[in-house]
Amino acid sequence: MSRQLRPPALDELGLVGALEEVVESLGLDCAVVSQDLGVLPPGPEAAAYRIGREALTNVARHSGCTSAQLTIARHSDSVQLEVRDHGAGRSGPAGVGTVSMRERAHELGGSLSIEDTDGGGTTVRAWLPLPAQRGIR
C-alpha cells in the first residue's frame, strides 16, 4: 500500500533523478533544468513526480517528437514544473492522464495548465504550493 502513496524512485533518486530515469526509460532527448530543490514535503514531491511522469509519457506517446524540456524550480511557497515539447500540439478531448495531472495539482491547492506553444508543441505547467513553514521560537 505504501508503494501506491510514494514512488520508491523518489527515496532512491530524489525528484530530479527519478524524472531523469523516466526520461531515459521513454527514450526521450530531454533537457532537464533544475536547481537544488532541497528537501520537499512528501505530498508536493510525489505530485510533481507523477505530473512530470505523465507529461513526459504524453510527449513520447502523442507529440510525434522525441525531444522535450523539463524545468523544475522551488520557490519560497511552491514548486513549479514545466514540460515543453515541439510536437504536434494537443488534439481531442482530455484523456485520463490529463485529468489525473489536473486532479493531483488541485488536491494540493495548486493548478495545472496545458497550452499549445507558438510554433508547435505543448507546454504543461504545474504550480504546487508548499505547506507554510512554521517559525521556530
N, C-alpha and C. Protein backbone atom coordinates (compact mmCIF):
# COMPACT_ATOMS: atom_id res chain seq x y z
N MET A 1 0.82 -1.19 0.00
CA MET A 1 0.00 0.00 0.00
C MET A 1 0.87 1.26 0.00
N SER A 2 1.98 1.25 0.75
CA SER A 2 2.83 2.45 0.80
C SER A 2 3.45 2.76 -0.55
N ARG A 3 3.68 1.74 -1.40
CA ARG A 3 4.23 1.98 -2.73
C ARG A 3 3.27 2.77 -3.59
N GLN A 4 1.96 2.65 -3.36
CA GLN A 4 0.99 3.41 -4.11
C GLN A 4 1.00 4.87 -3.70
N LEU A 5 1.37 5.16 -2.47
CA LEU A 5 1.36 6.52 -1.97
C LEU A 5 2.61 7.30 -2.38
N ARG A 6 3.75 6.68 -2.31
CA ARG A 6 5.01 7.37 -2.60
C ARG A 6 5.87 6.48 -3.49
N PRO A 7 6.17 6.94 -4.69
CA PRO A 7 7.01 6.13 -5.58
C PRO A 7 8.39 5.89 -4.97
N PRO A 8 8.88 4.66 -4.94
CA PRO A 8 10.19 4.35 -4.37
C PRO A 8 11.33 5.12 -5.03
N ALA A 9 11.19 5.45 -6.31
CA ALA A 9 12.25 6.18 -7.01
C ALA A 9 12.55 7.52 -6.35
N LEU A 10 11.56 8.13 -5.70
CA LEU A 10 11.80 9.41 -5.02
C LEU A 10 12.77 9.24 -3.87
N ASP A 11 12.62 8.15 -3.11
CA ASP A 11 13.54 7.90 -2.00
C ASP A 11 14.92 7.51 -2.48
N GLU A 12 14.97 6.80 -3.60
CA GLU A 12 16.25 6.31 -4.11
C GLU A 12 17.03 7.38 -4.88
N LEU A 13 16.32 8.21 -5.66
CA LEU A 13 16.99 9.12 -6.59
C LEU A 13 16.67 10.59 -6.38
N GLY A 14 15.67 10.90 -5.57
CA GLY A 14 15.20 12.28 -5.46
C GLY A 14 14.32 12.62 -6.64
N LEU A 15 13.65 13.76 -6.58
CA LEU A 15 12.70 14.14 -7.62
C LEU A 15 13.36 14.27 -8.99
N VAL A 16 14.44 15.01 -9.07
CA VAL A 16 15.09 15.22 -10.37
C VAL A 16 15.63 13.91 -10.93
N GLY A 17 16.30 13.13 -10.10
CA GLY A 17 16.84 11.84 -10.56
C GLY A 17 15.74 10.89 -11.00
N ALA A 18 14.63 10.87 -10.27
CA ALA A 18 13.51 9.99 -10.64
C ALA A 18 12.91 10.40 -11.98
N LEU A 19 12.80 11.70 -12.22
CA LEU A 19 12.26 12.15 -13.51
C LEU A 19 13.27 11.93 -14.64
N GLU A 20 14.56 12.05 -14.35
CA GLU A 20 15.58 11.72 -15.36
C GLU A 20 15.50 10.25 -15.74
N GLU A 21 15.20 9.40 -14.77
CA GLU A 21 15.03 7.97 -15.05
C GLU A 21 13.82 7.74 -15.96
N VAL A 22 12.74 8.49 -15.75
CA VAL A 22 11.57 8.40 -16.63
C VAL A 22 11.95 8.80 -18.05
N VAL A 23 12.66 9.92 -18.18
CA VAL A 23 13.11 10.40 -19.49
C VAL A 23 13.89 9.30 -20.21
N GLU A 24 14.83 8.69 -19.50
CA GLU A 24 15.65 7.64 -20.09
C GLU A 24 14.81 6.44 -20.51
N SER A 25 13.88 6.04 -19.65
CA SER A 25 13.05 4.86 -19.96
C SER A 25 12.15 5.10 -21.17
N LEU A 26 11.79 6.36 -21.42
CA LEU A 26 10.94 6.69 -22.56
C LEU A 26 11.74 6.93 -23.84
N GLY A 27 13.07 6.99 -23.72
CA GLY A 27 13.90 7.23 -24.88
C GLY A 27 13.83 8.65 -25.41
N LEU A 28 13.51 9.60 -24.55
CA LEU A 28 13.41 10.99 -24.97
C LEU A 28 14.76 11.69 -24.89
N ASP A 29 14.96 12.63 -25.79
CA ASP A 29 16.09 13.56 -25.69
C ASP A 29 15.51 14.76 -24.95
N CYS A 30 15.80 14.84 -23.67
CA CYS A 30 15.14 15.84 -22.83
C CYS A 30 16.16 16.60 -22.00
N ALA A 31 16.17 17.91 -22.16
CA ALA A 31 16.99 18.76 -21.30
C ALA A 31 16.26 18.91 -19.97
N VAL A 32 16.96 18.62 -18.88
CA VAL A 32 16.38 18.76 -17.54
C VAL A 32 17.05 19.96 -16.88
N VAL A 33 16.26 20.96 -16.56
CA VAL A 33 16.76 22.18 -15.94
C VAL A 33 16.18 22.25 -14.54
N SER A 34 17.06 22.28 -13.53
CA SER A 34 16.58 22.36 -12.16
C SER A 34 17.61 23.05 -11.29
N GLN A 35 17.19 23.38 -10.12
CA GLN A 35 18.08 23.94 -9.12
C GLN A 35 18.12 22.96 -7.96
N ASP A 36 18.88 23.27 -6.94
CA ASP A 36 18.86 22.45 -5.74
C ASP A 36 17.50 22.63 -5.10
N LEU A 37 16.69 21.58 -5.11
CA LEU A 37 15.33 21.67 -4.59
C LEU A 37 15.26 21.52 -3.08
N GLY A 38 16.34 21.06 -2.48
CA GLY A 38 16.31 20.81 -1.04
C GLY A 38 15.36 19.66 -0.74
N VAL A 39 14.96 19.55 0.51
CA VAL A 39 14.02 18.52 0.92
C VAL A 39 12.62 19.06 0.71
N LEU A 40 11.86 18.36 -0.12
CA LEU A 40 10.48 18.75 -0.39
C LEU A 40 9.53 17.94 0.48
N PRO A 41 8.41 18.53 0.88
CA PRO A 41 7.40 17.75 1.60
C PRO A 41 6.90 16.61 0.70
N PRO A 42 6.53 15.48 1.31
CA PRO A 42 6.14 14.30 0.52
C PRO A 42 5.00 14.54 -0.46
N GLY A 43 3.97 15.26 -0.08
CA GLY A 43 2.81 15.47 -0.97
C GLY A 43 3.18 16.20 -2.25
N PRO A 44 3.76 17.40 -2.16
CA PRO A 44 4.14 18.11 -3.37
C PRO A 44 5.20 17.38 -4.19
N GLU A 45 6.13 16.70 -3.53
CA GLU A 45 7.16 15.97 -4.26
C GLU A 45 6.55 14.83 -5.07
N ALA A 46 5.66 14.05 -4.46
CA ALA A 46 5.02 12.94 -5.17
C ALA A 46 4.14 13.45 -6.31
N ALA A 47 3.42 14.55 -6.07
CA ALA A 47 2.57 15.11 -7.11
C ALA A 47 3.42 15.61 -8.28
N ALA A 48 4.52 16.29 -7.99
CA ALA A 48 5.40 16.79 -9.05
C ALA A 48 5.95 15.62 -9.87
N TYR A 49 6.34 14.54 -9.20
CA TYR A 49 6.85 13.37 -9.91
C TYR A 49 5.78 12.77 -10.82
N ARG A 50 4.61 12.57 -10.28
CA ARG A 50 3.55 11.91 -11.07
C ARG A 50 3.08 12.80 -12.23
N ILE A 51 2.98 14.10 -11.98
CA ILE A 51 2.60 15.02 -13.06
C ILE A 51 3.70 15.04 -14.13
N GLY A 52 4.94 15.15 -13.70
CA GLY A 52 6.06 15.14 -14.65
C GLY A 52 6.12 13.86 -15.45
N ARG A 53 5.94 12.73 -14.78
CA ARG A 53 5.98 11.43 -15.46
C ARG A 53 4.87 11.35 -16.52
N GLU A 54 3.67 11.77 -16.16
CA GLU A 54 2.56 11.72 -17.11
C GLU A 54 2.78 12.66 -18.29
N ALA A 55 3.27 13.87 -18.02
CA ALA A 55 3.52 14.83 -19.10
C ALA A 55 4.60 14.31 -20.05
N LEU A 56 5.66 13.73 -19.50
CA LEU A 56 6.72 13.16 -20.34
C LEU A 56 6.23 11.96 -21.13
N THR A 57 5.40 11.14 -20.51
CA THR A 57 4.80 10.00 -21.21
C THR A 57 3.95 10.48 -22.38
N ASN A 58 3.21 11.57 -22.16
CA ASN A 58 2.39 12.13 -23.24
C ASN A 58 3.26 12.64 -24.38
N VAL A 59 4.41 13.22 -24.08
CA VAL A 59 5.33 13.65 -25.14
C VAL A 59 5.72 12.43 -25.97
N ALA A 60 6.14 11.37 -25.30
CA ALA A 60 6.60 10.17 -26.00
C ALA A 60 5.48 9.51 -26.82
N ARG A 61 4.27 9.51 -26.30
CA ARG A 61 3.17 8.80 -26.97
C ARG A 61 2.42 9.62 -28.01
N HIS A 62 2.28 10.91 -27.77
CA HIS A 62 1.32 11.67 -28.56
C HIS A 62 1.89 12.85 -29.35
N SER A 63 3.09 13.32 -29.03
CA SER A 63 3.56 14.57 -29.64
C SER A 63 4.11 14.40 -31.04
N GLY A 64 4.58 13.20 -31.35
CA GLY A 64 5.22 13.00 -32.64
C GLY A 64 6.65 13.49 -32.67
N CYS A 65 7.21 13.85 -31.50
CA CYS A 65 8.61 14.25 -31.44
C CYS A 65 9.30 13.46 -30.33
N THR A 66 10.61 13.52 -30.32
CA THR A 66 11.35 12.75 -29.32
C THR A 66 12.16 13.64 -28.39
N SER A 67 11.88 14.95 -28.42
CA SER A 67 12.64 15.84 -27.54
C SER A 67 11.68 16.72 -26.74
N ALA A 68 12.17 17.13 -25.58
CA ALA A 68 11.38 17.97 -24.69
C ALA A 68 12.33 18.70 -23.74
N GLN A 69 11.76 19.60 -22.98
CA GLN A 69 12.49 20.26 -21.90
C GLN A 69 11.66 20.17 -20.64
N LEU A 70 12.31 19.76 -19.56
CA LEU A 70 11.69 19.66 -18.25
C LEU A 70 12.37 20.66 -17.33
N THR A 71 11.59 21.54 -16.74
CA THR A 71 12.12 22.53 -15.81
C THR A 71 11.42 22.37 -14.47
N ILE A 72 12.22 22.31 -13.40
CA ILE A 72 11.67 22.20 -12.05
C ILE A 72 12.33 23.29 -11.20
N ALA A 73 11.50 24.07 -10.52
CA ALA A 73 12.04 25.14 -9.68
C ALA A 73 11.28 25.17 -8.36
N ARG A 74 12.03 25.45 -7.31
CA ARG A 74 11.43 25.63 -5.99
C ARG A 74 11.45 27.11 -5.66
N HIS A 75 10.33 27.59 -5.18
CA HIS A 75 10.21 28.96 -4.71
C HIS A 75 9.86 28.90 -3.23
N SER A 76 9.79 30.02 -2.57
CA SER A 76 9.54 30.02 -1.12
C SER A 76 8.21 29.37 -0.77
N ASP A 77 7.23 29.47 -1.66
CA ASP A 77 5.90 28.97 -1.35
C ASP A 77 5.40 27.87 -2.28
N SER A 78 6.23 27.44 -3.23
CA SER A 78 5.73 26.49 -4.22
C SER A 78 6.86 25.76 -4.95
N VAL A 79 6.44 24.71 -5.64
CA VAL A 79 7.29 24.01 -6.60
C VAL A 79 6.60 24.20 -7.95
N GLN A 80 7.38 24.55 -8.96
CA GLN A 80 6.83 24.70 -10.30
C GLN A 80 7.52 23.74 -11.23
N LEU A 81 6.73 23.09 -12.06
CA LEU A 81 7.24 22.10 -13.00
C LEU A 81 6.69 22.46 -14.38
N GLU A 82 7.55 22.37 -15.38
CA GLU A 82 7.12 22.65 -16.75
C GLU A 82 7.71 21.60 -17.68
N VAL A 83 6.88 21.04 -18.55
CA VAL A 83 7.33 20.14 -19.61
C VAL A 83 6.88 20.76 -20.92
N ARG A 84 7.87 20.99 -21.79
CA ARG A 84 7.61 21.65 -23.08
C ARG A 84 8.14 20.77 -24.20
N ASP A 85 7.32 20.58 -25.24
CA ASP A 85 7.79 19.85 -26.42
C ASP A 85 7.51 20.67 -27.66
N HIS A 86 8.02 20.21 -28.79
CA HIS A 86 7.82 20.90 -30.06
C HIS A 86 7.11 19.99 -31.05
N GLY A 87 6.20 19.20 -30.53
CA GLY A 87 5.49 18.23 -31.35
C GLY A 87 4.23 18.77 -31.98
N ALA A 88 3.25 17.89 -32.13
CA ALA A 88 2.04 18.17 -32.87
C ALA A 88 1.04 19.05 -32.13
N GLY A 89 1.19 19.24 -30.85
CA GLY A 89 0.19 20.01 -30.10
C GLY A 89 -0.96 19.12 -29.67
N ARG A 90 -1.86 19.71 -28.92
CA ARG A 90 -2.99 18.94 -28.39
C ARG A 90 -4.05 18.71 -29.47
N SER A 91 -4.75 17.60 -29.32
CA SER A 91 -5.90 17.34 -30.19
C SER A 91 -6.87 16.46 -29.42
N GLY A 92 -8.13 16.70 -29.64
CA GLY A 92 -9.16 15.89 -29.00
C GLY A 92 -9.37 16.25 -27.53
N PRO A 93 -10.30 15.55 -26.92
CA PRO A 93 -10.62 15.83 -25.51
C PRO A 93 -9.52 15.34 -24.57
N ALA A 94 -9.54 15.88 -23.36
CA ALA A 94 -8.57 15.47 -22.35
C ALA A 94 -8.75 14.00 -22.02
N GLY A 95 -7.63 13.29 -21.93
CA GLY A 95 -7.67 11.88 -21.58
C GLY A 95 -7.52 11.67 -20.09
N VAL A 96 -7.47 10.42 -19.67
CA VAL A 96 -7.35 10.06 -18.26
C VAL A 96 -6.08 10.65 -17.65
N GLY A 97 -4.97 10.61 -18.38
CA GLY A 97 -3.71 11.14 -17.85
C GLY A 97 -3.78 12.63 -17.59
N THR A 98 -4.38 13.36 -18.52
CA THR A 98 -4.52 14.80 -18.35
C THR A 98 -5.42 15.12 -17.16
N VAL A 99 -6.50 14.41 -17.04
CA VAL A 99 -7.42 14.61 -15.91
C VAL A 99 -6.70 14.30 -14.59
N SER A 100 -5.91 13.23 -14.55
CA SER A 100 -5.22 12.88 -13.31
C SER A 100 -4.16 13.91 -12.94
N MET A 101 -3.46 14.48 -13.94
CA MET A 101 -2.49 15.54 -13.63
C MET A 101 -3.19 16.74 -12.99
N ARG A 102 -4.31 17.12 -13.56
CA ARG A 102 -5.06 18.27 -13.04
C ARG A 102 -5.56 17.98 -11.62
N GLU A 103 -6.07 16.77 -11.39
CA GLU A 103 -6.57 16.39 -10.06
C GLU A 103 -5.45 16.40 -9.03
N ARG A 104 -4.27 15.91 -9.39
CA ARG A 104 -3.14 15.90 -8.45
C ARG A 104 -2.77 17.32 -8.03
N ALA A 105 -2.72 18.23 -8.98
CA ALA A 105 -2.40 19.62 -8.65
C ALA A 105 -3.49 20.23 -7.77
N HIS A 106 -4.73 20.03 -8.13
CA HIS A 106 -5.85 20.63 -7.39
C HIS A 106 -5.98 20.06 -5.97
N GLU A 107 -5.64 18.78 -5.78
CA GLU A 107 -5.70 18.17 -4.45
C GLU A 107 -4.81 18.91 -3.45
N LEU A 108 -3.74 19.52 -3.95
CA LEU A 108 -2.81 20.25 -3.09
C LEU A 108 -3.12 21.75 -3.04
N GLY A 109 -4.17 22.17 -3.75
CA GLY A 109 -4.49 23.59 -3.83
C GLY A 109 -3.70 24.29 -4.91
N GLY A 110 -3.12 23.52 -5.83
CA GLY A 110 -2.32 24.07 -6.91
C GLY A 110 -3.09 24.18 -8.20
N SER A 111 -2.37 24.33 -9.29
CA SER A 111 -3.02 24.47 -10.59
C SER A 111 -2.17 23.79 -11.66
N LEU A 112 -2.81 23.51 -12.78
CA LEU A 112 -2.15 22.90 -13.92
C LEU A 112 -2.70 23.54 -15.17
N SER A 113 -1.82 23.93 -16.07
CA SER A 113 -2.26 24.46 -17.36
C SER A 113 -1.59 23.66 -18.47
N ILE A 114 -2.31 23.50 -19.55
CA ILE A 114 -1.79 22.83 -20.74
C ILE A 114 -2.12 23.73 -21.91
N GLU A 115 -1.06 24.17 -22.60
CA GLU A 115 -1.25 25.15 -23.68
C GLU A 115 -0.49 24.72 -24.92
N ASP A 116 -1.07 25.03 -26.07
CA ASP A 116 -0.32 24.88 -27.31
C ASP A 116 0.73 25.98 -27.35
N THR A 117 1.90 25.65 -27.84
CA THR A 117 3.02 26.58 -27.90
C THR A 117 3.08 27.18 -29.30
N ASP A 118 3.34 28.49 -29.37
CA ASP A 118 3.52 29.12 -30.68
C ASP A 118 4.63 28.39 -31.43
N GLY A 119 4.39 28.10 -32.68
CA GLY A 119 5.37 27.38 -33.47
C GLY A 119 5.24 25.87 -33.36
N GLY A 120 4.25 25.39 -32.62
CA GLY A 120 4.03 23.96 -32.48
C GLY A 120 4.48 23.43 -31.14
N GLY A 121 3.79 22.44 -30.68
CA GLY A 121 4.14 21.81 -29.42
C GLY A 121 3.17 22.14 -28.32
N THR A 122 3.47 21.61 -27.16
CA THR A 122 2.60 21.74 -26.00
C THR A 122 3.46 22.06 -24.78
N THR A 123 2.91 22.88 -23.89
CA THR A 123 3.57 23.18 -22.63
C THR A 123 2.63 22.83 -21.49
N VAL A 124 3.11 21.99 -20.58
CA VAL A 124 2.36 21.63 -19.37
C VAL A 124 3.06 22.34 -18.21
N ARG A 125 2.29 23.11 -17.44
CA ARG A 125 2.84 23.82 -16.27
C ARG A 125 2.03 23.45 -15.04
N ALA A 126 2.74 23.04 -14.00
CA ALA A 126 2.10 22.74 -12.71
C ALA A 126 2.66 23.67 -11.66
N TRP A 127 1.78 24.21 -10.86
CA TRP A 127 2.15 25.04 -9.70
C TRP A 127 1.61 24.30 -8.49
N LEU A 128 2.52 23.90 -7.61
CA LEU A 128 2.16 23.11 -6.43
C LEU A 128 2.60 23.86 -5.18
N PRO A 129 1.66 24.31 -4.36
CA PRO A 129 2.04 25.06 -3.16
C PRO A 129 2.73 24.18 -2.13
N LEU A 130 3.64 24.78 -1.40
CA LEU A 130 4.31 24.09 -0.30
C LEU A 130 3.60 24.51 0.99
N PRO A 131 3.48 23.58 1.93
CA PRO A 131 2.87 23.93 3.21
C PRO A 131 3.67 25.06 3.87
N ALA A 132 2.97 25.93 4.57
CA ALA A 132 3.65 27.04 5.26
C ALA A 132 4.63 26.49 6.27
N GLN A 133 5.80 27.10 6.32
CA GLN A 133 6.82 26.71 7.30
C GLN A 133 6.47 27.34 8.64
N ARG A 134 6.53 26.56 9.66
CA ARG A 134 6.28 27.09 10.99
C ARG A 134 7.58 27.67 11.56
N GLY A 135 7.51 28.88 12.06
CA GLY A 135 8.69 29.51 12.63
C GLY A 135 9.12 28.86 13.91
N ILE A 136 10.39 28.90 14.18
CA ILE A 136 10.93 28.32 15.42
C ILE A 136 11.12 29.46 16.41
N ARG A 137 10.62 29.28 17.61
CA ARG A 137 10.74 30.32 18.63
C ARG A 137 11.77 29.96 19.66
